[in-house]
C-alpha atoms as a PDB file:
ATOM      1  CA  MET A   1      -9.486  -6.764  13.430  1.00  0.00           C
ATOM      2  CA  GLY A   2     -13.142  -7.391  12.680  1.00  0.00           C
ATOM      3  CA  GLU A   3     -13.670  -3.651  12.183  1.00  0.00           C
ATOM      4  CA  CYS A   4     -10.433  -3.142  10.024  1.00  0.00           C
ATOM      5  CA  ILE A   5     -11.576  -1.989   6.611  1.00  0.00           C
ATOM      6  CA  PHE A   6      -8.549  -3.623   4.904  1.00  0.00           C
ATOM      7  CA  CYS A   7      -9.190  -6.885   6.598  1.00  0.00           C
ATOM      8  CA  ARG A   8     -12.736  -6.690   5.282  1.00  0.00           C
ATOM      9  CA  ILE A   9     -11.418  -6.003   1.796  1.00  0.00           C
ATOM     10  CA  VAL A  10      -9.075  -9.075   2.133  1.00  0.00           C
ATOM     11  CA  SER A  11     -12.082 -11.187   3.158  1.00  0.00           C
ATOM     12  CA  GLY A  12     -14.153  -9.926   0.253  1.00  0.00           C
ATOM     13  CA  GLU A  13     -16.749  -8.362   2.484  1.00  0.00           C
ATOM     14  CA  ILE A  14     -15.922  -4.916   0.928  1.00  0.00           C
ATOM     15  CA  PRO A  15     -15.248  -4.711  -2.781  1.00  0.00           C
ATOM     16  CA  ALA A  16     -12.072  -3.080  -4.071  1.00  0.00           C
ATOM     17  CA  LYS A  17     -10.575  -2.538  -7.499  1.00  0.00           C
ATOM     18  CA  LYS A  18      -7.951  -5.262  -7.190  1.00  0.00           C
ATOM     19  CA  ILE A  19      -4.874  -5.208  -9.359  1.00  0.00           C
ATOM     20  CA  TYR A  20      -2.951  -8.130  -7.729  1.00  0.00           C
ATOM     21  CA  GLU A  21      -3.559 -10.904  -5.180  1.00  0.00           C
ATOM     22  CA  ASP A  22      -1.577 -13.853  -4.002  1.00  0.00           C
ATOM     23  CA  ASP A  23      -1.401 -15.856  -0.747  1.00  0.00           C
ATOM     24  CA  LEU A  24       0.467 -13.067   1.142  1.00  0.00           C
ATOM     25  CA  VAL A  25      -0.543  -9.764  -0.310  1.00  0.00           C
ATOM     26  CA  LEU A  26      -3.329  -7.738  -1.962  1.00  0.00           C
ATOM     27  CA  ALA A  27      -2.973  -4.679  -4.220  1.00  0.00           C
ATOM     28  CA  PHE A  28      -5.749  -2.451  -5.071  1.00  0.00           C
ATOM     29  CA  HIS A  29      -6.475   1.104  -6.398  1.00  0.00           C
ATOM     30  CA  ASP A  30      -6.820   3.883  -3.877  1.00  0.00           C
ATOM     31  CA  ILE A  31     -10.351   5.167  -3.647  1.00  0.00           C
ATOM     32  CA  ASN A  32      -9.160   8.789  -3.620  1.00  0.00           C
ATOM     33  CA  PRO A  33      -6.126   8.855  -5.918  1.00  0.00           C
ATOM     34  CA  VAL A  34      -3.755  11.778  -5.830  1.00  0.00           C
ATOM     35  CA  ALA A  35      -1.964  10.919  -9.121  1.00  0.00           C
ATOM     36  CA  PRO A  36      -2.609   8.899 -12.273  1.00  0.00           C
ATOM     37  CA  VAL A  37      -1.054   5.957 -10.607  1.00  0.00           C
ATOM     38  CA  HIS A  38      -2.067   5.455  -7.003  1.00  0.00           C
ATOM     39  CA  PHE A  39      -2.669   2.040  -5.475  1.00  0.00           C
ATOM     40  CA  LEU A  40      -2.097   0.268  -2.157  1.00  0.00           C
ATOM     41  CA  VAL A  41      -0.251  -2.921  -1.389  1.00  0.00           C
ATOM     42  CA  ILE A  42      -1.052  -4.590   1.952  1.00  0.00           C
ATOM     43  CA  PRO A  43      -0.211  -7.809   3.685  1.00  0.00           C
ATOM     44  CA  LYS A  44      -3.264 -10.027   3.869  1.00  0.00           C
ATOM     45  CA  ALA A  45      -2.528 -10.791   7.621  1.00  0.00           C
ATOM     46  CA  HIS A  46      -3.386  -7.969   9.847  1.00  0.00           C
ATOM     47  CA  VAL A  47      -0.438  -5.889  11.025  1.00  0.00           C
ATOM     48  CA  ALA A  48      -1.528  -2.632  12.453  1.00  0.00           C
ATOM     49  CA  SER A  49       1.445  -0.523  11.489  1.00  0.00           C
ATOM     50  CA  MET A  50       5.112  -0.676  10.394  1.00  0.00           C
ATOM     51  CA  ALA A  51       5.981  -0.037  14.023  1.00  0.00           C
ATOM     52  CA  GLU A  52       4.769  -3.602  14.845  1.00  0.00           C
ATOM     53  CA  LEU A  53       7.021  -5.362  12.255  1.00  0.00           C
ATOM     54  CA  ASN A  54       9.564  -7.834  13.485  1.00  0.00           C
ATOM     55  CA  ALA A  55      11.561 -10.714  11.997  1.00  0.00           C
ATOM     56  CA  GLU A  56       8.487 -12.899  11.360  1.00  0.00           C
ATOM     57  CA  HIS A  57       7.236 -10.313   8.845  1.00  0.00           C
ATOM     58  CA  GLU A  58      10.370 -10.308   6.613  1.00  0.00           C
ATOM     59  CA  ALA A  59       8.889 -12.588   3.930  1.00  0.00           C
ATOM     60  CA  VAL A  60       5.641 -10.849   3.558  1.00  0.00           C
ATOM     61  CA  MET A  61       7.173  -7.320   3.587  1.00  0.00           C
ATOM     62  CA  GLY A  62       9.654  -8.518   0.971  1.00  0.00           C
ATOM     63  CA  ARG A  63       6.670  -9.552  -1.183  1.00  0.00           C
ATOM     64  CA  VAL A  64       4.903  -6.314  -0.488  1.00  0.00           C
ATOM     65  CA  MET A  65       7.811  -4.313  -1.758  1.00  0.00           C
ATOM     66  CA  THR A  66       8.596  -6.451  -4.798  1.00  0.00           C
ATOM     67  CA  VAL A  67       4.954  -6.510  -5.903  1.00  0.00           C
ATOM     68  CA  ALA A  68       4.777  -2.663  -5.384  1.00  0.00           C
ATOM     69  CA  ALA A  69       7.746  -2.199  -7.761  1.00  0.00           C
ATOM     70  CA  ARG A  70       6.396  -4.564 -10.410  1.00  0.00           C
ATOM     71  CA  LEU A  71       2.932  -3.175 -10.271  1.00  0.00           C
ATOM     72  CA  ALA A  72       4.193   0.436 -10.357  1.00  0.00           C
ATOM     73  CA  ARG A  73       5.831  -0.207 -13.723  1.00  0.00           C
ATOM     74  CA  GLU A  74       2.811  -2.170 -15.073  1.00  0.00           C
ATOM     75  CA  GLN A  75       0.453   0.563 -14.068  1.00  0.00           C
ATOM     76  CA  GLY A  76       2.353   3.205 -15.944  1.00  0.00           C
ATOM     77  CA  ALA A  77       4.879   4.648 -13.463  1.00  0.00           C
ATOM     78  CA  THR A  78       7.873   3.700 -15.877  1.00  0.00           C
ATOM     79  CA  ASP A  79       9.937   6.802 -15.021  1.00  0.00           C
ATOM     80  CA  GLY A  80       9.734   6.519 -11.221  1.00  0.00           C
ATOM     81  CA  PHE A  81       7.253   6.506  -8.427  1.00  0.00           C
ATOM     82  CA  ARG A  82       6.951   7.156  -4.694  1.00  0.00           C
ATOM     83  CA  THR A  83       6.210   4.691  -1.945  1.00  0.00           C
ATOM     84  CA  ILE A  84       4.708   6.032   1.291  1.00  0.00           C
ATOM     85  CA  ILE A  85       4.090   4.138   4.509  1.00  0.00           C
ATOM     86  CA  ASN A  86       2.309   6.365   7.116  1.00  0.00           C
ATOM     87  CA  THR A  87       3.013   4.952  10.599  1.00  0.00           C
ATOM     88  CA  GLY A  88       1.136   5.841  13.685  1.00  0.00           C
ATOM     89  CA  ARG A  89      -0.572   9.123  14.742  1.00  0.00           C
ATOM     90  CA  VAL A  90       2.388  11.410  14.098  1.00  0.00           C
ATOM     91  CA  GLY A  91       2.997   9.602  10.749  1.00  0.00           C
ATOM     92  CA  ARG A  92      -0.631  10.471   9.821  1.00  0.00           C
ATOM     93  CA  GLN A  93      -1.698   6.838   9.492  1.00  0.00           C
ATOM     94  CA  GLU A  94      -5.458   6.741   8.952  1.00  0.00           C
ATOM     95  CA  VAL A  95      -6.147   2.983   8.453  1.00  0.00           C
ATOM     96  CA  TYR A  96      -4.424   0.875  11.108  1.00  0.00           C
ATOM     97  CA  HIS A  97      -3.551  -1.968   8.827  1.00  0.00           C
ATOM     98  CA  LEU A  98      -0.041  -1.644   7.323  1.00  0.00           C
ATOM     99  CA  HIS A  99      -0.202  -0.495   3.721  1.00  0.00           C
ATOM    100  CA  VAL A 100       2.070   0.934   1.161  1.00  0.00           C
ATOM    101  CA  HIS A 101       0.900   3.749  -1.123  1.00  0.00           C
ATOM    102  CA  VAL A 102       2.480   3.555  -4.511  1.00  0.00           C
ATOM    103  CA  ILE A 103       2.022   6.949  -6.333  1.00  0.00           C
ATOM    104  CA  GLY A 104       3.328   7.956  -9.704  1.00  0.00           C
ATOM    105  CA  GLY A 105       2.650   9.289 -13.155  1.00  0.00           C
ATOM    106  CA  PRO A 106       4.268  11.860 -15.450  1.00  0.00           C
ATOM    107  CA  ASP A 107       5.702  14.765 -13.438  1.00  0.00           C
ATOM    108  CA  VAL A 108       2.936  14.837 -10.873  1.00  0.00           C
ATOM    109  CA  LEU A 109       4.787  14.465  -7.588  1.00  0.00           C
ATOM    110  CA  PRO A 110       5.684  17.444  -5.387  1.00  0.00           C
ATOM    111  CA  ALA A 111       8.824  17.658  -3.380  1.00  0.00           C
ATOM    112  CA  MET A 112       9.001  15.251  -0.449  1.00  0.00           C
ATOM    113  CA  LEU A 113       8.691  17.744   2.484  1.00  0.00           C
ATOM    114  CA  LYS A 114       8.845  21.457   2.765  1.00  0.00           C
ATOM    115  CA  ARG A 115      12.050  22.620   4.292  1.00  0.00           C
END
């Protein structure tokens, strides 16, 4: 955990452009946005990936999702947005601290996956 970049952001060791923080979660702008609205919502407690979730995480993950929805609207994604949780190597997870990408903006999102 000491090397986890998101844990270091939570602790204040690394700065981030925060948009929300409470006792359970932190939301901040993505440093390489792919759309006009692109931020992350993370649990403050270290959970490496969605694959590690269990019943003890229900409250924090409920908070993550409700904060994501509210902030998406507040940040300007009023006509819809996408949430992405990359999980594990095959899921293309790059930072092993569970995080939800919230991405939106006017007509900027491509199709989900190519068929």
